[in-house]
């Protein structure tokens, strides 16, 4: 697994399996970070995605609570 696998998982909104999570845990942290940054870069440039997400602010708050 590499940064592009992380990026593709995020892009497809995949729910990771236990095995995938273990694989990510064993990855180089820089590689994981780069995959995440690639995804964030795409989101920051994708106006269509941004406009869809702007319509669902409550959903984003719920996700934030789950992650923290």
PDB file of N, CA and C in Angstrom:
ATOM      1  N   UNK A   1       0.857  -1.170   0.000  1.00  0.00           N
ATOM      2  CA  UNK A   1       0.000   0.000   0.000  1.00  0.00           C
ATOM      3  C   UNK A   1       0.902   1.231   0.000  1.00  0.00           C
ATOM      4  N   UNK A   2       0.446   2.263  -0.715  1.00  0.00           N
ATOM      5  CA  UNK A   2       1.198   3.517  -0.759  1.00  0.00           C
ATOM      6  C   UNK A   2       0.228   4.695  -0.714  1.00  0.00           C
ATOM      7  N   UNK A   3       0.776   5.905  -0.891  1.00  0.00           N
ATOM      8  CA  UNK A   3      -0.060   7.108  -0.776  1.00  0.00           C
ATOM      9  C   UNK A   3      -1.231   7.093  -1.753  1.00  0.00           C
ATOM     10  N   UNK A   4      -1.047   6.476  -2.919  1.00  0.00           N
ATOM     11  CA  UNK A   4      -2.122   6.462  -3.909  1.00  0.00           C
ATOM     12  C   UNK A   4      -3.250   5.523  -3.500  1.00  0.00           C
ATOM     13  N   UNK A   5      -2.929   4.466  -2.775  1.00  0.00           N
ATOM     14  CA  UNK A   5      -3.981   3.599  -2.243  1.00  0.00           C
ATOM     15  C   UNK A   5      -4.824   4.366  -1.222  1.00  0.00           C
ATOM     16  N   UNK A   6      -4.155   5.126  -0.364  1.00  0.00           N
ATOM     17  CA  UNK A   6      -4.866   5.948   0.630  1.00  0.00           C
ATOM     18  C   UNK A   6      -5.770   6.943  -0.092  1.00  0.00           C
ATOM     19  N   UNK A   7      -5.214   7.628  -1.068  1.00  0.00           N
ATOM     20  CA  UNK A   7      -5.961   8.611  -1.851  1.00  0.00           C
ATOM     21  C   UNK A   7      -7.196   7.981  -2.501  1.00  0.00           C
ATOM     22  N   UNK A   8      -7.024   6.836  -3.139  1.00  0.00           N
ATOM     23  CA  UNK A   8      -8.141   6.169  -3.815  1.00  0.00           C
ATOM     24  C   UNK A   8      -9.208   5.708  -2.823  1.00  0.00           C
ATOM     25  N   UNK A   9      -8.795   5.240  -1.667  1.00  0.00           N
ATOM     26  CA  UNK A   9      -9.766   4.834  -0.645  1.00  0.00           C
ATOM     27  C   UNK A   9     -10.617   6.025  -0.218  1.00  0.00           C
ATOM     28  N   UNK A  10      -9.969   7.157   0.013  1.00  0.00           N
ATOM     29  CA  UNK A  10     -10.698   8.360   0.413  1.00  0.00           C
ATOM     30  C   UNK A  10     -11.614   8.835  -0.716  1.00  0.00           C
ATOM     31  N   UNK A  11     -11.110   8.795  -1.927  1.00  0.00           N
ATOM     32  CA  UNK A  11     -11.882   9.231  -3.092  1.00  0.00           C
ATOM     33  C   UNK A  11     -13.153   8.404  -3.269  1.00  0.00           C
ATOM     34  N   UNK A  12     -13.054   7.099  -3.011  1.00  0.00           N
ATOM     35  CA  UNK A  12     -14.204   6.205  -3.178  1.00  0.00           C
ATOM     36  C   UNK A  12     -15.045   6.088  -1.905  1.00  0.00           C
ATOM     37  N   UNK A  13     -14.659   6.824  -0.869  1.00  0.00           N
ATOM     38  CA  UNK A  13     -15.369   6.770   0.421  1.00  0.00           C
ATOM     39  C   UNK A  13     -15.435   5.340   0.951  1.00  0.00           C
ATOM     40  N   UNK A  14     -14.342   4.609   0.773  1.00  0.00           N
ATOM     41  CA  UNK A  14     -14.285   3.215   1.220  1.00  0.00           C
ATOM     42  C   UNK A  14     -14.242   3.130   2.738  1.00  0.00           C
ATOM     43  N   UNK A  15     -14.916   2.151   3.266  1.00  0.00           N
ATOM     44  CA  UNK A  15     -14.801   1.831   4.683  1.00  0.00           C
ATOM     45  C   UNK A  15     -13.713   0.767   4.782  1.00  0.00           C
ATOM     46  N   UNK A  16     -12.622   1.073   5.474  1.00  0.00           N
ATOM     47  CA  UNK A  16     -11.511   0.122   5.504  1.00  0.00           C
ATOM     48  C   UNK A  16     -11.815  -1.122   6.331  1.00  0.00           C
ATOM     49  N   UNK A  17     -11.257  -2.230   5.901  1.00  0.00           N
ATOM     50  CA  UNK A  17     -11.366  -3.474   6.659  1.00  0.00           C
ATOM     51  C   UNK A  17     -10.325  -3.441   7.777  1.00  0.00           C
ATOM     52  N   UNK A  18     -10.426  -4.387   8.685  1.00  0.00           N
ATOM     53  CA  UNK A  18      -9.440  -4.498   9.758  1.00  0.00           C
ATOM     54  C   UNK A  18      -8.049  -4.709   9.173  1.00  0.00           C
ATOM     55  N   UNK A  19      -7.966  -5.518   8.138  1.00  0.00           N
ATOM     56  CA  UNK A  19      -6.681  -5.778   7.496  1.00  0.00           C
ATOM     57  C   UNK A  19      -6.097  -4.507   6.879  1.00  0.00           C
ATOM     58  N   UNK A  20      -6.958  -3.715   6.243  1.00  0.00           N
ATOM     59  CA  UNK A  20      -6.497  -2.466   5.638  1.00  0.00           C
ATOM     60  C   UNK A  20      -5.994  -1.513   6.707  1.00  0.00           C
ATOM     61  N   UNK A  21      -6.707  -1.429   7.810  1.00  0.00           N
ATOM     62  CA  UNK A  21      -6.287  -0.554   8.908  1.00  0.00           C
ATOM     63  C   UNK A  21      -4.923  -0.994   9.437  1.00  0.00           C
ATOM     64  N   UNK A  22      -4.737  -2.283   9.598  1.00  0.00           N
ATOM     65  CA  UNK A  22      -3.443  -2.798  10.069  1.00  0.00           C
ATOM     66  C   UNK A  22      -2.330  -2.470   9.074  1.00  0.00           C
ATOM     67  N   UNK A  23      -2.652  -2.576   7.799  1.00  0.00           N
ATOM     68  CA  UNK A  23      -1.670  -2.252   6.764  1.00  0.00           C
ATOM     69  C   UNK A  23      -1.284  -0.777   6.832  1.00  0.00           C
ATOM     70  N   UNK A  24      -2.270   0.084   7.022  1.00  0.00           N
ATOM     71  CA  UNK A  24      -2.008   1.520   7.125  1.00  0.00           C
ATOM     72  C   UNK A  24      -1.185   1.816   8.375  1.00  0.00           C
ATOM     73  N   UNK A  25      -1.499   1.143   9.479  1.00  0.00           N
ATOM     74  CA  UNK A  25      -0.738   1.340  10.718  1.00  0.00           C
ATOM     75  C   UNK A  25       0.736   1.002  10.536  1.00  0.00           C
ATOM     76  N   UNK A  26       1.021   0.050   9.672  1.00  0.00           N
ATOM     77  CA  UNK A  26       2.403  -0.373   9.445  1.00  0.00           C
ATOM     78  C   UNK A  26       3.114   0.425   8.356  1.00  0.00           C
ATOM     79  N   UNK A  27       2.393   1.334   7.714  1.00  0.00           N
ATOM     80  CA  UNK A  27       2.993   2.152   6.663  1.00  0.00           C
ATOM     81  C   UNK A  27       3.867   3.244   7.256  1.00  0.00           C
ATOM     82  N   UNK A  28       4.741   3.756   6.431  1.00  0.00           N
ATOM     83  CA  UNK A  28       5.522   4.929   6.777  1.00  0.00           C
ATOM     84  C   UNK A  28       4.555   6.100   6.942  1.00  0.00           C
ATOM     85  N   UNK A  29       4.680   6.842   8.038  1.00  0.00           N
ATOM     86  CA  UNK A  29       3.756   7.947   8.321  1.00  0.00           C
ATOM     87  C   UNK A  29       3.783   9.010   7.225  1.00  0.00           C
ATOM     88  N   UNK A  30       4.934   9.237   6.640  1.00  0.00           N
ATOM     89  CA  UNK A  30       5.040  10.233   5.571  1.00  0.00           C
ATOM     90  C   UNK A  30       4.204   9.819   4.369  1.00  0.00           C
ATOM     91  N   UNK A  31       4.211   8.543   4.060  1.00  0.00           N
ATOM     92  CA  UNK A  31       3.439   8.025   2.921  1.00  0.00           C
ATOM     93  C   UNK A  31       1.935   8.207   3.163  1.00  0.00           C
ATOM     94  N   UNK A  32       1.488   7.924   4.379  1.00  0.00           N
ATOM     95  CA  UNK A  32       0.074   8.099   4.725  1.00  0.00           C
ATOM     96  C   UNK A  32      -0.291   9.577   4.633  1.00  0.00           C
ATOM     97  N   UNK A  33       0.567  10.426   5.183  1.00  0.00           N
ATOM     98  CA  UNK A  33       0.326  11.869   5.160  1.00  0.00           C
ATOM     99  C   UNK A  33       0.238  12.387   3.728  1.00  0.00           C
ATOM    100  N   UNK A  34       1.107  11.920   2.854  1.00  0.00           N
ATOM    101  CA  UNK A  34       1.083  12.363   1.462  1.00  0.00           C
ATOM    102  C   UNK A  34      -0.216  11.959   0.767  1.00  0.00           C
ATOM    103  N   UNK A  35      -0.719  10.766   1.053  1.00  0.00           N
ATOM    104  CA  UNK A  35      -1.999  10.342   0.486  1.00  0.00           C
ATOM    105  C   UNK A  35      -3.141  11.226   0.949  1.00  0.00           C
ATOM    106  N   UNK A  36      -3.120  11.561   2.225  1.00  0.00           N
ATOM    107  CA  UNK A  36      -4.142  12.439   2.792  1.00  0.00           C
ATOM    108  C   UNK A  36      -4.049  13.836   2.182  1.00  0.00           C
ATOM    109  N   UNK A  37      -2.842  14.331   2.020  1.00  0.00           N
ATOM    110  CA  UNK A  37      -2.663  15.656   1.419  1.00  0.00           C
ATOM    111  C   UNK A  37      -3.095  15.688  -0.043  1.00  0.00           C
ATOM    112  N   UNK A  38      -2.876  14.604  -0.773  1.00  0.00           N
ATOM    113  CA  UNK A  38      -3.359  14.531  -2.160  1.00  0.00           C
ATOM    114  C   UNK A  38      -4.883  14.662  -2.188  1.00  0.00           C
ATOM    115  N   UNK A  39      -5.551  13.983  -1.271  1.00  0.00           N
ATOM    116  CA  UNK A  39      -7.014  14.029  -1.192  1.00  0.00           C
ATOM    117  C   UNK A  39      -7.481  15.438  -0.832  1.00  0.00           C
ATOM    118  N   UNK A  40      -6.854  16.047   0.176  1.00  0.00           N
ATOM    119  CA  UNK A  40      -7.228  17.407   0.577  1.00  0.00           C
ATOM    120  C   UNK A  40      -6.992  18.402  -0.554  1.00  0.00           C
ATOM    121  N   UNK A  41      -5.922  18.208  -1.309  1.00  0.00           N
ATOM    122  CA  UNK A  41      -5.637  19.089  -2.444  1.00  0.00           C
ATOM    123  C   UNK A  41      -6.741  18.984  -3.488  1.00  0.00           C
ATOM    124  N   UNK A  42      -7.162  17.768  -3.787  1.00  0.00           N
ATOM    125  CA  UNK A  42      -8.266  17.576  -4.730  1.00  0.00           C
ATOM    126  C   UNK A  42      -9.523  18.282  -4.226  1.00  0.00           C
ATOM    127  N   UNK A  43      -9.848  18.084  -2.953  1.00  0.00           N
ATOM    128  CA  UNK A  43     -11.054  18.704  -2.400  1.00  0.00           C
ATOM    129  C   UNK A  43     -10.988  20.225  -2.466  1.00  0.00           C
ATOM    130  N   UNK A  44      -9.826  20.775  -2.225  1.00  0.00           N
ATOM    131  CA  UNK A  44      -9.692  22.232  -2.226  1.00  0.00           C
ATOM    132  C   UNK A  44      -9.873  22.825  -3.621  1.00  0.00           C
ATOM    133  N   UNK A  45      -9.710  21.995  -4.648  1.00  0.00           N
ATOM    134  CA  UNK A  45      -9.824  22.478  -6.034  1.00  0.00           C
ATOM    135  C   UNK A  45     -11.127  22.072  -6.714  1.00  0.00           C
ATOM    136  N   UNK A  46     -11.872  21.179  -6.113  1.00  0.00           N
ATOM    137  CA  UNK A  46     -13.081  20.628  -6.734  1.00  0.00           C
ATOM    138  C   UNK A  46     -14.309  21.429  -6.304  1.00  0.00           C
ATOM    139  N   UNK A  47     -14.693  22.387  -7.110  1.00  0.00           N
ATOM    140  CA  UNK A  47     -15.822  23.274  -6.777  1.00  0.00           C
ATOM    141  C   UNK A  47     -17.143  22.516  -6.702  1.00  0.00           C
ATOM    142  N   UNK A  48     -17.336  21.510  -7.539  1.00  0.00           N
ATOM    143  CA  UNK A  48     -18.563  20.720  -7.514  1.00  0.00           C
ATOM    144  C   UNK A  48     -18.705  20.007  -6.171  1.00  0.00           C
ATOM    145  N   UNK A  49     -17.652  19.363  -5.727  1.00  0.00           N
ATOM    146  CA  UNK A  49     -17.679  18.660  -4.440  1.00  0.00           C
ATOM    147  C   UNK A  49     -17.926  19.643  -3.298  1.00  0.00           C
ATOM    148  N   UNK A  50     -17.278  20.786  -3.351  1.00  0.00           N
ATOM    149  CA  UNK A  50     -17.446  21.794  -2.304  1.00  0.00           C
ATOM    150  C   UNK A  50     -18.890  22.272  -2.225  1.00  0.00           C
ATOM    151  N   UNK A  51     -19.525  22.481  -3.373  1.00  0.00           N
ATOM    152  CA  UNK A  51     -20.910  22.964  -3.365  1.00  0.00           C
ATOM    153  C   UNK A  51     -21.858  21.895  -2.829  1.00  0.00           C
ATOM    154  N   UNK A  52     -21.579  20.624  -3.089  1.00  0.00           N
ATOM    155  CA  UNK A  52     -22.404  19.537  -2.547  1.00  0.00           C
ATOM    156  C   UNK A  52     -22.267  19.472  -1.038  1.00  0.00           C
ATOM    157  N   UNK A  53     -21.056  19.610  -0.537  1.00  0.00           N
ATOM    158  CA  UNK A  53     -20.798  19.503   0.897  1.00  0.00           C
ATOM    159  C   UNK A  53     -21.361  20.708   1.644  1.00  0.00           C
ATOM    160  N   UNK A  54     -21.420  21.856   1.012  1.00  0.00           N
ATOM    161  CA  UNK A  54     -21.935  23.055   1.664  1.00  0.00           C
ATOM    162  C   UNK A  54     -23.408  22.895   2.021  1.00  0.00           C
ATOM    163  N   UNK A  55     -24.101  22.020   1.321  1.00  0.00           N
ATOM    164  CA  UNK A  55     -25.521  21.795   1.575  1.00  0.00           C
ATOM    165  C   UNK A  55     -25.755  20.876   2.769  1.00  0.00           C
ATOM    166  N   UNK A  56     -24.679  20.262   3.306  1.00  0.00           N
ATOM    167  CA  UNK A  56     -24.830  19.272   4.371  1.00  0.00           C
ATOM    168  C   UNK A  56     -23.951  19.593   5.588  1.00  0.00           C
ATOM    169  N   UNK A  57     -24.062  20.784   6.165  1.00  0.00           N
ATOM    170  CA  UNK A  57     -23.175  21.129   7.283  1.00  0.00           C
ATOM    171  C   UNK A  57     -23.384  20.275   8.527  1.00  0.00           C
ATOM    172  N   UNK A  58     -24.599  19.842   8.806  1.00  0.00           N
ATOM    173  CA  UNK A  58     -24.849  19.029   9.995  1.00  0.00           C
ATOM    174  C   UNK A  58     -24.153  17.676   9.884  1.00  0.00           C
ATOM    175  N   UNK A  59     -24.137  17.115   8.697  1.00  0.00           N
ATOM    176  CA  UNK A  59     -23.480  15.828   8.483  1.00  0.00           C
ATOM    177  C   UNK A  59     -21.987  15.947   8.777  1.00  0.00           C
ATOM    178  N   UNK A  60     -21.383  17.046   8.361  1.00  0.00           N
ATOM    179  CA  UNK A  60     -19.964  17.246   8.611  1.00  0.00           C
ATOM    180  C   UNK A  60     -19.683  17.366  10.104  1.00  0.00           C
ATOM    181  N   UNK A  61     -20.542  18.033  10.831  1.00  0.00           N
ATOM    182  CA  UNK A  61     -20.357  18.146  12.276  1.00  0.00           C
ATOM    183  C   UNK A  61     -20.429  16.779  12.928  1.00  0.00           C
ATOM    184  N   UNK A  62     -21.323  15.938  12.467  1.00  0.00           N
ATOM    185  CA  UNK A  62     -21.448  14.584  13.014  1.00  0.00           C
ATOM    186  C   UNK A  62     -20.180  13.781  12.766  1.00  0.00           C
ATOM    187  N   UNK A  63     -19.628  13.904  11.581  1.00  0.00           N
ATOM    188  CA  UNK A  63     -18.389  13.194  11.255  1.00  0.00           C
ATOM    189  C   UNK A  63     -17.265  13.696  12.147  1.00  0.00           C
ATOM    190  N   UNK A  64     -17.203  15.009  12.344  1.00  0.00           N
ATOM    191  CA  UNK A  64     -16.156  15.588  13.185  1.00  0.00           C
ATOM    192  C   UNK A  64     -16.242  15.041  14.603  1.00  0.00           C
ATOM    193  N   UNK A  65     -17.450  14.933  15.136  1.00  0.00           N
ATOM    194  CA  UNK A  65     -17.627  14.409  16.492  1.00  0.00           C
ATOM    195  C   UNK A  65     -17.169  12.959  16.587  1.00  0.00           C
ATOM    196  N   UNK A  66     -17.445  12.177  15.566  1.00  0.00           N
ATOM    197  CA  UNK A  66     -17.044  10.772  15.568  1.00  0.00           C
ATOM    198  C   UNK A  66     -15.522  10.657  15.548  1.00  0.00           C
ATOM    199  N   UNK A  67     -14.869  11.508  14.766  1.00  0.00           N
ATOM    200  CA  UNK A  67     -13.418  11.437  14.633  1.00  0.00           C
ATOM    201  C   UNK A  67     -12.691  11.953  15.867  1.00  0.00           C
ATOM    202  N   UNK A  68     -13.335  12.779  16.640  1.00  0.00           N
ATOM    203  CA  UNK A  68     -12.662  13.331  17.825  1.00  0.00           C
ATOM    204  C   UNK A  68     -13.175  12.705  19.032  1.00  0.00           C
TER     205      UNK A  68
END
